[in-house]
Amino acid sequence: MATLKPKKNKIEDTVVGAYQKIEDTVVGTYQKIEDAVVGTYQKIEDKFVEKFLDVEEEIIEIPEEGDETDK
């Protein structure tokens, strides 16, 4: 029976190692996809802001009520 214990540990270590490699691959792949999605979203958002919301280029002054400039 003493000879079975090292084999059991070796098999267990192999299974744990294989699982860890699979988990690392899945997590790494997920991280790459997430980074790509976030990067793409950021580019889209930047273009949108640049095109539609760039406040520095256009400042629209709204005259106050009773101001002489609105006549």
Protein backbone atom coordinates (compact mmCIF):
# COMPACT_ATOMS: atom_id res chain seq x y z
CA MET A 1 0.00 0.00 0.00
CA ALA A 2 2.89 2.36 0.59
CA THR A 3 3.71 2.31 -3.13
CA LEU A 4 0.25 3.57 -4.11
CA LYS A 5 0.54 6.83 -2.19
CA PRO A 6 3.31 8.35 -4.37
CA LYS A 7 1.38 7.45 -7.55
CA LYS A 8 -1.77 9.02 -6.14
CA ASN A 9 0.11 12.21 -5.29
CA LYS A 10 1.73 12.28 -8.72
CA ILE A 11 -1.64 11.91 -10.45
CA GLU A 12 -3.17 14.54 -8.19
CA ASP A 13 -0.30 16.95 -8.89
CA THR A 14 -0.69 16.35 -12.63
CA VAL A 15 -4.44 16.99 -12.50
CA VAL A 16 -4.01 20.12 -10.39
CA GLY A 17 -1.26 21.38 -12.70
CA ALA A 18 -3.37 20.75 -15.80
CA TYR A 19 -6.36 22.48 -14.24
CA GLN A 20 -4.18 25.46 -13.30
CA LYS A 21 -2.89 25.76 -16.88
CA ILE A 22 -6.44 25.66 -18.26
CA GLU A 23 -7.61 28.22 -15.72
CA ASP A 24 -4.67 30.51 -16.53
CA THR A 25 -5.45 30.23 -20.25
CA VAL A 26 -9.14 31.01 -19.75
CA VAL A 27 -8.42 33.95 -17.46
CA GLY A 28 -5.72 35.26 -19.80
CA THR A 29 -8.00 34.98 -22.82
CA TYR A 30 -10.85 36.69 -20.98
CA GLN A 31 -8.50 39.51 -19.94
CA LYS A 32 -7.35 40.03 -23.54
CA ILE A 33 -10.94 40.15 -24.79
CA GLU A 34 -11.96 42.53 -22.02
CA ASP A 35 -9.00 44.82 -22.77
CA ALA A 36 -9.89 44.85 -26.47
CA VAL A 37 -13.55 45.65 -25.77
CA VAL A 38 -12.67 48.41 -23.31
CA GLY A 39 -10.09 49.84 -25.73
CA THR A 40 -12.56 49.84 -28.60
CA TYR A 41 -15.25 51.42 -26.44
CA GLN A 42 -12.80 54.12 -25.35
CA LYS A 43 -11.94 54.92 -28.98
CA ILE A 44 -15.63 55.19 -29.87
CA GLU A 45 -16.30 57.38 -26.86
CA ASP A 46 -13.33 59.63 -27.69
CA LYS A 47 -14.55 60.08 -31.29
CA PHE A 48 -18.06 60.86 -30.06
CA VAL A 49 -16.80 63.44 -27.59
CA GLU A 50 -14.50 64.92 -30.22
CA LYS A 51 -17.33 65.24 -32.74
CA PHE A 52 -20.34 66.18 -30.63
CA LEU A 53 -19.30 67.33 -27.20
CA ASP A 54 -16.15 69.38 -27.65
CA VAL A 55 -17.22 72.38 -25.59
CA GLU A 56 -13.96 74.28 -25.97
CA GLU A 57 -14.51 74.90 -29.70
CA GLU A 58 -18.05 76.28 -29.41
CA ILE A 59 -19.16 78.36 -26.49
CA ILE A 60 -22.76 79.41 -26.83
CA GLU A 61 -23.69 82.38 -24.68
CA ILE A 62 -27.28 82.47 -23.55
CA PRO A 63 -28.39 86.03 -22.80
CA GLU A 64 -30.06 86.58 -19.47
CA GLU A 65 -33.62 87.89 -19.30
CA GLY A 66 -33.72 91.65 -19.57
CA ASP A 67 -30.29 91.77 -21.22
CA GLU A 68 -30.05 94.41 -23.96
CA THR A 69 -28.24 92.01 -26.35
CA ASP A 70 -31.34 89.90 -27.00
CA LYS A 71 -33.29 92.75 -28.67
